[in-house]
N, C-alpha and C. Protein backbone atom coordinates (compact mmCIF):
# COMPACT_ATOMS: atom_id res chain seq x y z
N MET A 1 39.86 141.79 104.09
CA MET A 1 39.31 141.38 102.89
C MET A 1 38.76 142.13 101.59
N LYS A 2 37.74 143.07 102.65
CA LYS A 2 37.00 144.01 101.59
C LYS A 2 37.86 145.09 100.58
N LYS A 3 39.40 145.19 101.19
CA LYS A 3 40.37 145.98 100.71
C LYS A 3 40.84 145.46 99.47
N THR A 4 41.23 143.85 99.82
CA THR A 4 41.38 143.28 98.24
C THR A 4 40.14 143.42 97.47
N PHE A 5 39.61 142.92 97.65
CA PHE A 5 38.01 142.92 96.52
C PHE A 5 38.11 144.44 95.97
N GLN A 6 38.29 145.43 96.79
CA GLN A 6 38.43 146.76 96.07
C GLN A 6 39.48 147.03 95.10
N VAL A 7 40.69 146.38 95.46
CA VAL A 7 41.58 146.51 94.68
C VAL A 7 41.17 145.70 92.94
N LEU A 8 40.69 144.49 93.32
CA LEU A 8 40.33 143.61 91.99
C LEU A 8 39.18 144.15 91.41
N ASN A 9 38.46 145.27 92.09
CA ASN A 9 37.50 146.08 91.30
C ASN A 9 38.18 146.99 90.49
N GLU A 10 39.22 147.58 90.97
CA GLU A 10 39.64 148.63 90.49
C GLU A 10 41.05 148.17 89.43
N MET A 11 40.93 147.02 89.48
CA MET A 11 41.94 146.44 87.92
C MET A 11 40.76 145.99 86.95
N VAL A 12 39.18 145.95 87.47
CA VAL A 12 38.86 145.79 86.39
C VAL A 12 38.19 147.20 85.52
N ARG A 13 38.24 148.05 86.52
CA ARG A 13 37.77 149.32 86.04
C ARG A 13 39.16 150.29 85.45
N ASP A 14 39.84 149.71 85.53
CA ASP A 14 41.39 150.44 84.84
C ASP A 14 41.60 149.51 83.73
N GLY A 15 41.01 148.33 83.52
CA GLY A 15 41.08 147.19 82.24
C GLY A 15 42.50 146.61 82.46
N VAL A 16 42.69 146.27 83.80
CA VAL A 16 43.84 145.41 83.44
C VAL A 16 43.45 143.90 83.25
N ILE A 17 42.19 143.40 83.93
CA ILE A 17 41.98 142.31 83.83
C ILE A 17 40.26 142.48 83.22
N VAL A 18 39.84 141.80 82.71
CA VAL A 18 38.25 142.18 82.33
C VAL A 18 37.36 141.82 83.05
N ASN A 19 37.54 140.90 84.06
CA ASN A 19 36.98 140.59 84.84
C ASN A 19 37.35 139.41 86.08
N TYR A 20 36.72 139.06 87.34
CA TYR A 20 37.06 138.08 88.08
C TYR A 20 35.78 137.41 88.31
N ALA A 21 36.20 136.64 89.08
CA ALA A 21 34.84 135.80 89.89
C ALA A 21 35.48 134.84 91.29
N ILE A 22 35.29 135.18 92.14
CA ILE A 22 35.80 134.41 93.44
C ILE A 22 35.21 132.90 93.61
N ALA A 23 35.98 132.49 93.91
CA ALA A 23 35.73 130.79 93.73
C ALA A 23 36.61 130.39 95.34
N GLY A 24 36.72 129.08 95.16
CA GLY A 24 37.44 128.53 96.52
C GLY A 24 36.62 128.49 97.69
N ALA A 25 37.44 128.91 99.02
CA ALA A 25 36.93 128.70 100.16
C ALA A 25 35.86 130.13 100.41
N ILE A 26 36.88 131.16 99.60
CA ILE A 26 36.38 132.56 99.94
C ILE A 26 34.86 132.63 99.70
N GLY A 27 34.87 132.07 97.99
CA GLY A 27 33.39 132.10 97.52
C GLY A 27 32.50 131.21 98.10
N ALA A 28 33.01 130.35 98.89
CA ALA A 28 32.11 129.45 99.69
C ALA A 28 31.32 130.08 100.66
N THR A 29 32.37 130.99 101.31
CA THR A 29 31.77 131.61 102.38
C THR A 29 30.31 132.53 102.20
N PHE A 30 30.29 133.19 101.12
CA PHE A 30 29.18 133.62 100.54
C PHE A 30 28.01 133.02 101.02
N TYR A 31 27.92 131.28 101.03
CA TYR A 31 26.83 130.45 100.93
C TYR A 31 26.67 129.49 102.14
N VAL A 32 27.77 129.55 102.77
CA VAL A 32 27.87 128.65 104.03
C VAL A 32 28.49 128.97 104.93
N GLU A 33 28.71 128.65 106.05
CA GLU A 33 29.27 129.03 106.94
C GLU A 33 30.78 128.98 106.81
N PRO A 34 31.60 130.19 107.62
CA PRO A 34 33.10 130.05 107.16
C PRO A 34 33.76 128.92 107.54
N PHE A 35 34.57 128.81 107.00
CA PHE A 35 36.29 127.74 107.25
C PHE A 35 37.34 128.25 107.20
N ALA A 36 38.16 127.66 107.80
CA ALA A 36 39.42 128.00 107.64
C ALA A 36 40.48 128.43 106.11
N THR A 37 40.79 129.45 105.79
CA THR A 37 41.48 129.39 104.36
C THR A 37 42.59 130.21 104.43
N GLN A 38 43.70 130.47 103.64
CA GLN A 38 44.34 131.06 103.60
C GLN A 38 44.63 132.14 102.58
N ASP A 39 43.96 132.02 101.42
CA ASP A 39 43.98 132.70 100.21
C ASP A 39 42.94 133.34 99.78
N ILE A 40 42.77 134.08 98.42
CA ILE A 40 41.63 134.12 98.02
C ILE A 40 41.87 133.70 96.47
N ASP A 41 40.88 133.18 96.12
CA ASP A 41 40.94 132.55 94.75
C ASP A 41 40.27 133.52 93.88
N ALA A 42 40.64 134.40 92.50
CA ALA A 42 39.83 134.97 91.52
C ALA A 42 40.12 134.24 90.65
N LEU A 43 38.84 133.63 89.48
CA LEU A 43 38.95 132.99 88.40
C LEU A 43 38.80 134.38 87.52
N VAL A 44 40.18 134.46 86.29
CA VAL A 44 39.99 135.15 85.34
C VAL A 44 40.30 134.75 84.19
N MET A 45 39.75 135.49 83.28
CA MET A 45 39.93 134.90 81.51
C MET A 45 41.38 135.76 81.16
N MET A 46 42.24 134.73 80.72
CA MET A 46 43.20 134.90 80.46
C MET A 46 43.73 135.29 79.08
N PRO A 47 44.60 136.24 78.65
CA PRO A 47 44.71 136.09 77.01
C PRO A 47 45.01 135.02 76.32
N GLU A 48 45.26 134.97 75.49
CA GLU A 48 45.71 133.84 74.75
C GLU A 48 47.11 133.91 74.26
N THR A 49 47.62 132.90 74.72
CA THR A 49 49.44 133.10 74.13
C THR A 49 49.76 132.06 73.31
N LYS A 50 50.83 131.88 72.60
CA LYS A 50 51.08 131.38 71.43
C LYS A 50 51.79 130.04 71.80
N GLY A 51 52.25 129.67 72.78
CA GLY A 51 52.84 128.15 73.14
C GLY A 51 51.91 127.93 74.58
N GLY A 52 50.60 128.73 74.91
CA GLY A 52 49.80 128.11 75.77
C GLY A 52 50.31 128.05 76.95
N LEU A 53 51.32 128.63 77.55
CA LEU A 53 51.84 129.04 78.93
C LEU A 53 51.63 130.47 79.44
N ILE A 54 51.32 130.42 80.41
CA ILE A 54 51.05 131.62 81.25
C ILE A 54 52.44 132.20 81.96
N THR A 55 52.88 133.35 81.21
CA THR A 55 54.18 133.39 81.82
C THR A 55 54.36 134.50 83.16
N GLU A 56 53.12 135.34 83.42
CA GLU A 56 53.09 136.75 84.11
C GLU A 56 51.75 136.10 85.04
N ILE A 57 52.18 136.83 86.21
CA ILE A 57 50.58 137.31 86.75
C ILE A 57 49.72 137.99 86.35
N PRO A 58 48.43 138.21 86.06
CA PRO A 58 47.79 139.36 85.45
C PRO A 58 47.64 140.24 86.51
N GLY A 59 48.22 141.28 85.77
CA GLY A 59 47.88 142.58 86.23
C GLY A 59 49.47 142.86 87.29
N TRP A 60 50.29 141.96 87.11
CA TRP A 60 51.61 142.18 87.82
C TRP A 60 51.98 143.57 87.87
N GLU A 61 52.20 143.97 86.90
CA GLU A 61 53.17 145.40 86.96
C GLU A 61 52.17 146.41 87.56
N TYR A 62 50.94 146.64 87.22
CA TYR A 62 49.57 147.21 87.89
C TYR A 62 49.76 147.41 89.55
N LEU A 63 50.10 145.62 89.84
CA LEU A 63 49.91 145.83 91.40
C LEU A 63 51.44 146.17 91.95
N GLN A 64 52.58 145.90 91.45
CA GLN A 64 53.67 146.53 91.86
C GLN A 64 53.80 147.80 91.78
N LYS A 65 53.73 148.53 90.59
CA LYS A 65 53.06 150.01 90.96
C LYS A 65 52.15 150.48 92.42
N ARG A 66 51.36 149.40 92.78
CA ARG A 66 50.90 150.28 93.99
C ARG A 66 51.55 149.62 94.96
N GLY A 67 52.52 148.77 95.17
CA GLY A 67 53.06 148.32 96.25
C GLY A 67 52.97 146.88 96.43
N TYR A 68 52.26 146.24 96.14
CA TYR A 68 52.11 144.76 95.93
C TYR A 68 53.06 144.14 95.55
N THR A 69 53.97 143.77 96.24
CA THR A 69 55.68 143.10 95.70
C THR A 69 55.39 141.91 96.41
N GLU A 70 54.88 141.36 97.27
CA GLU A 70 55.17 140.17 98.34
C GLU A 70 54.48 139.14 97.66
N ILE A 71 55.50 137.64 97.42
CA ILE A 71 54.64 136.89 96.76
C ILE A 71 54.36 135.71 97.96
N ARG A 72 53.55 135.49 98.21
CA ARG A 72 52.94 134.30 99.55
C ARG A 72 52.37 133.28 98.95
N ASP A 73 52.98 131.68 98.79
CA ASP A 73 52.54 130.27 98.14
C ASP A 73 52.16 130.98 96.77
N GLU A 74 51.27 130.78 96.26
CA GLU A 74 50.94 131.22 94.52
C GLU A 74 50.42 132.43 94.34
N GLY A 75 50.13 133.19 95.32
CA GLY A 75 49.29 134.48 95.51
C GLY A 75 50.37 135.80 95.68
N VAL A 76 50.00 136.74 94.99
CA VAL A 76 50.29 138.23 95.42
C VAL A 76 49.84 138.64 96.46
N VAL A 77 50.58 139.26 97.65
CA VAL A 77 49.65 139.45 98.91
C VAL A 77 48.68 140.88 98.60
N VAL A 78 48.18 141.35 98.96
CA VAL A 78 46.93 142.24 98.44
C VAL A 78 46.13 142.25 100.04
N GLU A 79 46.79 143.32 100.67
CA GLU A 79 45.95 143.93 101.75
C GLU A 79 46.00 142.97 102.69
N GLY A 80 47.05 142.21 102.54
CA GLY A 80 46.92 141.16 103.86
C GLY A 80 46.87 139.78 103.29
N TRP A 81 46.20 139.54 102.00
CA TRP A 81 45.42 138.19 101.57
C TRP A 81 46.21 138.09 100.56
N PRO A 82 46.96 136.47 100.58
CA PRO A 82 47.46 136.23 99.29
C PRO A 82 45.97 136.16 98.20
N LEU A 83 46.58 136.29 96.87
CA LEU A 83 45.54 136.66 95.88
C LEU A 83 46.26 135.88 94.46
N GLN A 84 45.36 134.66 95.03
CA GLN A 84 45.53 133.50 93.62
C GLN A 84 44.72 133.99 92.30
N PHE A 85 45.27 134.30 91.11
CA PHE A 85 44.70 134.54 89.70
C PHE A 85 44.76 133.08 89.20
N ILE A 86 43.57 132.52 89.36
CA ILE A 86 43.23 131.08 88.69
C ILE A 86 42.51 131.23 87.26
N PRO A 87 43.58 130.90 86.16
CA PRO A 87 42.77 131.14 84.75
C PRO A 87 42.19 130.09 84.73
N VAL A 88 40.94 130.37 83.81
CA VAL A 88 39.98 129.45 83.68
C VAL A 88 40.31 128.89 82.28
N GLY A 89 40.17 127.18 83.06
CA GLY A 89 40.95 126.44 82.40
C GLY A 89 39.95 125.22 81.46
N ASP A 90 38.84 125.19 81.85
CA ASP A 90 37.88 124.34 80.93
C ASP A 90 36.47 124.87 80.94
N ALA A 91 35.17 124.08 80.41
CA ALA A 91 33.85 124.67 80.06
C ALA A 91 33.44 124.97 81.41
N LEU A 92 33.63 124.29 82.16
CA LEU A 92 32.71 124.55 83.53
C LEU A 92 33.58 125.92 84.48
N GLU A 93 34.65 125.89 84.18
CA GLU A 93 35.14 127.44 85.10
C GLU A 93 34.92 128.77 84.34
N LYS A 94 35.07 128.34 82.91
CA LYS A 94 34.42 129.22 81.91
C LYS A 94 33.09 129.87 82.18
N GLU A 95 31.98 128.73 82.21
CA GLU A 95 30.68 129.14 82.65
C GLU A 95 30.28 129.62 84.22
N ALA A 96 31.43 129.08 85.24
CA ALA A 96 31.39 129.83 86.51
C ALA A 96 31.77 131.21 86.42
N TYR A 97 32.47 131.30 85.86
CA TYR A 97 33.21 132.63 85.79
C TYR A 97 31.92 133.84 84.96
N LEU A 98 31.47 132.99 83.97
CA LEU A 98 30.47 134.01 83.22
C LEU A 98 29.09 134.34 83.93
N ASN A 99 29.14 133.45 84.62
CA ASN A 99 27.60 133.53 85.21
C ASN A 99 27.82 133.98 86.95
N ALA A 100 28.96 134.51 87.07
CA ALA A 100 29.15 134.64 88.54
C ALA A 100 27.93 135.55 89.18
N ASP A 101 27.77 135.88 90.49
CA ASP A 101 26.75 136.69 90.98
C ASP A 101 27.36 137.68 91.45
N VAL A 102 27.12 139.10 92.02
CA VAL A 102 27.45 139.89 92.28
C VAL A 102 26.62 140.28 93.74
N PHE A 103 27.66 140.20 94.88
CA PHE A 103 27.48 140.35 96.19
C PHE A 103 27.99 141.99 96.81
N SER A 104 27.26 142.09 97.90
CA SER A 104 27.84 143.21 98.22
C SER A 104 28.52 142.89 99.93
N LEU A 105 29.82 143.51 100.13
CA LEU A 105 30.41 143.06 101.44
C LEU A 105 31.17 144.48 101.39
N GLU A 106 30.10 144.72 102.64
CA GLU A 106 31.12 146.18 103.00
C GLU A 106 30.66 147.15 102.30
N GLU A 107 29.59 147.10 101.46
CA GLU A 107 29.43 148.20 100.50
C GLU A 107 30.43 148.16 99.58
N THR A 108 30.97 147.12 99.06
CA THR A 108 31.89 147.01 98.24
C THR A 108 31.66 145.58 96.98
N THR A 109 31.20 145.56 96.11
CA THR A 109 30.83 144.71 94.99
C THR A 109 31.97 143.68 94.83
N VAL A 110 31.51 142.45 94.90
CA VAL A 110 32.23 141.38 94.65
C VAL A 110 31.46 140.27 93.68
N ARG A 111 32.38 140.01 92.48
CA ARG A 111 31.78 138.69 92.22
C ARG A 111 31.95 137.54 92.39
N VAL A 112 31.14 136.59 92.70
CA VAL A 112 31.40 135.46 93.28
C VAL A 112 30.58 134.42 92.42
N VAL A 113 31.40 133.21 92.29
CA VAL A 113 31.17 131.59 91.35
C VAL A 113 29.56 131.57 92.31
N LEU A 114 28.80 131.22 91.46
CA LEU A 114 27.32 130.61 92.08
C LEU A 114 27.68 129.34 92.81
N ALA A 115 26.69 129.14 94.04
CA ALA A 115 27.33 128.15 94.66
C ALA A 115 27.23 126.65 93.83
N GLU A 116 26.08 126.78 92.87
CA GLU A 116 26.17 125.24 92.16
C GLU A 116 27.59 125.25 91.28
N HIS A 117 28.12 125.86 90.82
CA HIS A 117 29.33 126.17 90.22
C HIS A 117 30.26 125.80 91.24
N LEU A 118 30.52 126.41 92.22
CA LEU A 118 31.23 125.86 93.43
C LEU A 118 31.29 124.42 93.61
N VAL A 119 30.10 124.24 93.64
CA VAL A 119 29.97 122.57 94.18
C VAL A 119 30.70 121.45 93.01
N ALA A 120 30.25 121.88 91.72
CA ALA A 120 30.70 121.24 90.56
C ALA A 120 31.93 121.08 90.53
N ILE A 121 33.00 122.47 90.70
CA ILE A 121 34.08 122.49 90.44
C ILE A 121 34.66 121.84 91.46
N MET A 122 34.42 121.73 93.12
CA MET A 122 34.87 121.14 93.81
C MET A 122 34.85 119.31 93.66
N LEU A 123 33.50 119.01 93.10
CA LEU A 123 33.36 117.73 92.76
C LEU A 123 33.99 117.12 91.75
N LYS A 124 35.07 118.12 90.87
CA LYS A 124 35.79 117.71 89.87
C LYS A 124 36.99 117.45 90.15
N LEU A 125 37.33 118.43 91.34
CA LEU A 125 38.64 118.49 91.84
C LEU A 125 39.04 117.04 92.93
N ARG A 126 37.64 117.07 93.76
CA ARG A 126 37.32 115.97 94.75
C ARG A 126 38.52 115.91 95.30
N ARG A 127 38.88 116.83 96.04
CA ARG A 127 39.91 116.62 97.15
C ARG A 127 39.17 116.43 98.43
N ALA A 128 40.19 116.06 99.48
CA ALA A 128 39.22 115.74 100.70
C ALA A 128 38.85 116.81 101.50
N LYS A 129 39.52 118.43 101.20
CA LYS A 129 38.71 119.35 101.51
C LYS A 129 37.38 119.69 101.19
N ASP A 130 37.49 119.20 99.51
CA ASP A 130 36.16 119.41 98.51
C ASP A 130 35.11 118.91 99.04
N VAL A 131 35.30 117.67 99.41
CA VAL A 131 34.47 116.42 99.81
C VAL A 131 33.80 116.96 100.97
N ALA A 132 35.00 117.21 101.87
CA ALA A 132 33.86 117.85 103.26
C ALA A 132 33.12 119.16 102.70
N ARG A 133 33.27 120.32 101.67
CA ARG A 133 32.95 121.53 101.61
C ARG A 133 31.37 121.27 100.76
N ILE A 134 31.58 119.75 99.98
CA ILE A 134 30.20 119.40 99.03
C ILE A 134 29.64 119.67 100.21
N GLU A 135 29.66 118.30 101.27
CA GLU A 135 28.74 118.17 102.04
C GLU A 135 28.12 118.89 103.19
N MET A 136 29.17 120.23 103.17
CA MET A 136 28.39 121.34 103.91
C MET A 136 27.65 122.17 103.32
N PHE A 137 27.97 122.33 102.00
CA PHE A 137 26.67 123.01 100.89
C PHE A 137 25.70 122.19 100.99
N LEU A 138 25.42 120.89 101.05
CA LEU A 138 24.42 119.91 100.79
C LEU A 138 23.43 119.98 102.01
N SER A 139 24.39 119.95 103.13
CA SER A 139 23.59 119.73 104.66
C SER A 139 23.19 120.97 104.97
N GLN A 140 23.43 122.08 104.17
CA GLN A 140 22.79 123.71 104.92
C GLN A 140 21.97 123.84 103.73
N ASP A 141 21.75 123.08 102.59
CA ASP A 141 20.71 123.60 101.60
C ASP A 141 21.11 124.64 100.60
N ALA A 142 22.14 124.86 100.36
CA ALA A 142 23.06 125.95 99.69
C ALA A 142 23.02 125.98 98.29
N VAL A 143 22.29 124.70 97.56
CA VAL A 143 22.60 124.96 96.23
C VAL A 143 21.27 124.79 95.72
N ASP A 144 20.96 124.93 95.01
CA ASP A 144 19.84 124.32 94.19
C ASP A 144 20.13 122.95 93.42
N ARG A 145 19.28 122.09 93.99
CA ARG A 145 19.81 120.29 93.60
C ARG A 145 19.67 120.64 91.93
N GLU A 146 18.26 120.72 91.69
CA GLU A 146 18.06 120.62 89.84
C GLU A 146 19.29 121.47 89.18
N THR A 147 19.39 122.51 89.77
CA THR A 147 20.44 123.21 88.74
C THR A 147 21.83 122.35 88.79
N LEU A 148 22.20 121.89 89.83
CA LEU A 148 23.31 121.57 90.41
C LEU A 148 23.44 120.16 89.52
N LEU A 149 22.17 119.68 89.64
CA LEU A 149 22.45 118.14 88.43
C LEU A 149 22.65 118.57 87.46
N ASP A 150 22.04 119.12 86.69
CA ASP A 150 22.27 119.88 85.31
C ASP A 150 23.54 120.25 84.73
N ILE A 151 24.09 121.54 85.96
CA ILE A 151 25.61 121.36 85.59
C ILE A 151 26.60 120.41 85.21
N ILE A 152 26.32 119.53 86.29
CA ILE A 152 27.03 118.39 86.36
C ILE A 152 26.83 117.24 85.48
N LYS A 153 25.44 117.56 84.54
CA LYS A 153 25.54 116.50 83.58
C LYS A 153 25.71 116.98 82.59
N ARG A 154 25.81 118.25 82.39
CA ARG A 154 26.43 118.97 80.81
C ARG A 154 27.87 119.25 81.05
N HIS A 155 28.51 118.93 82.06
CA HIS A 155 30.10 118.98 82.04
C HIS A 155 30.51 117.76 82.61
N GLY A 156 29.69 115.95 82.24
CA GLY A 156 30.54 114.94 82.33
C GLY A 156 30.87 114.74 83.52
N LEU A 157 30.19 115.33 84.83
CA LEU A 157 30.38 114.70 86.16
C LEU A 157 29.89 113.81 86.63
N GLU A 158 29.12 113.31 86.25
CA GLU A 158 27.80 111.97 86.69
C GLU A 158 29.00 110.99 87.32
N ALA A 159 29.97 110.68 86.68
CA ALA A 159 30.69 109.40 87.45
C ALA A 159 31.18 110.14 88.78
N LYS A 160 32.05 111.17 88.80
CA LYS A 160 32.73 111.97 89.88
C LYS A 160 31.16 111.91 91.46
N LEU A 161 30.06 112.49 90.55
CA LEU A 161 29.04 112.21 91.41
C LEU A 161 28.69 110.90 91.87
N GLY A 162 29.04 109.96 91.48
CA GLY A 162 28.31 108.65 91.68
C GLY A 162 29.40 108.17 92.67
N ARG A 163 30.82 108.30 92.41
CA ARG A 163 31.94 108.31 93.71
C ARG A 163 31.44 109.05 95.14
N PHE A 164 31.41 110.07 94.50
CA PHE A 164 30.87 111.03 95.79
C PHE A 164 29.65 110.46 96.84
N LYS A 165 28.96 110.11 96.05
CA LYS A 165 27.51 109.39 96.78
C LYS A 165 28.07 107.72 97.37
N SER A 166 28.51 107.50 96.86
CA SER A 166 28.90 105.96 97.01
C SER A 166 30.08 106.00 98.71
N SER A 167 31.07 107.45 98.96
CA SER A 167 31.62 107.08 99.87
C SER A 167 30.80 107.57 100.81
N PHE A 168 29.63 108.04 100.67
CA PHE A 168 28.68 108.36 101.76
C PHE A 168 27.90 107.40 102.68
N GLN A 169 27.78 106.08 101.56
CA GLN A 169 26.58 105.47 101.88
C GLN A 169 27.32 104.33 103.01
């Protein structure tokens, strides 16, 4: 995984992508006990397109020139890990991307979405695996609850929070 993060950092250094913020299950492992996952999700800002459609994986030519040509599921396999470039799609994701924290993994810097933003994104998506992960974050005191509630309110997720709470009563 370290080598995958090194490639992401090289993409930033070489101007291929502006930056990234690790989200999803891998992002969560920086805050809570690890769980099984098949890929690495990297939030990225995409250039504006006229039709609104994304036609290419960010840095696809860059990655191909370095020998990363395999596609598995929705990701480019980089050093053994399918790497999914997730375009920032709404205000919550943009805030998460912009406010990511920097961690060190075996002396490699990694930008990771803050725990509170990860939980808010999981609450927004509310898939079965997200509900289980939210519960993990809360039970392990991995979030600042006041900050999380502020994010939930600012992004209009109060109703989803209410449904989440009622499912555990």
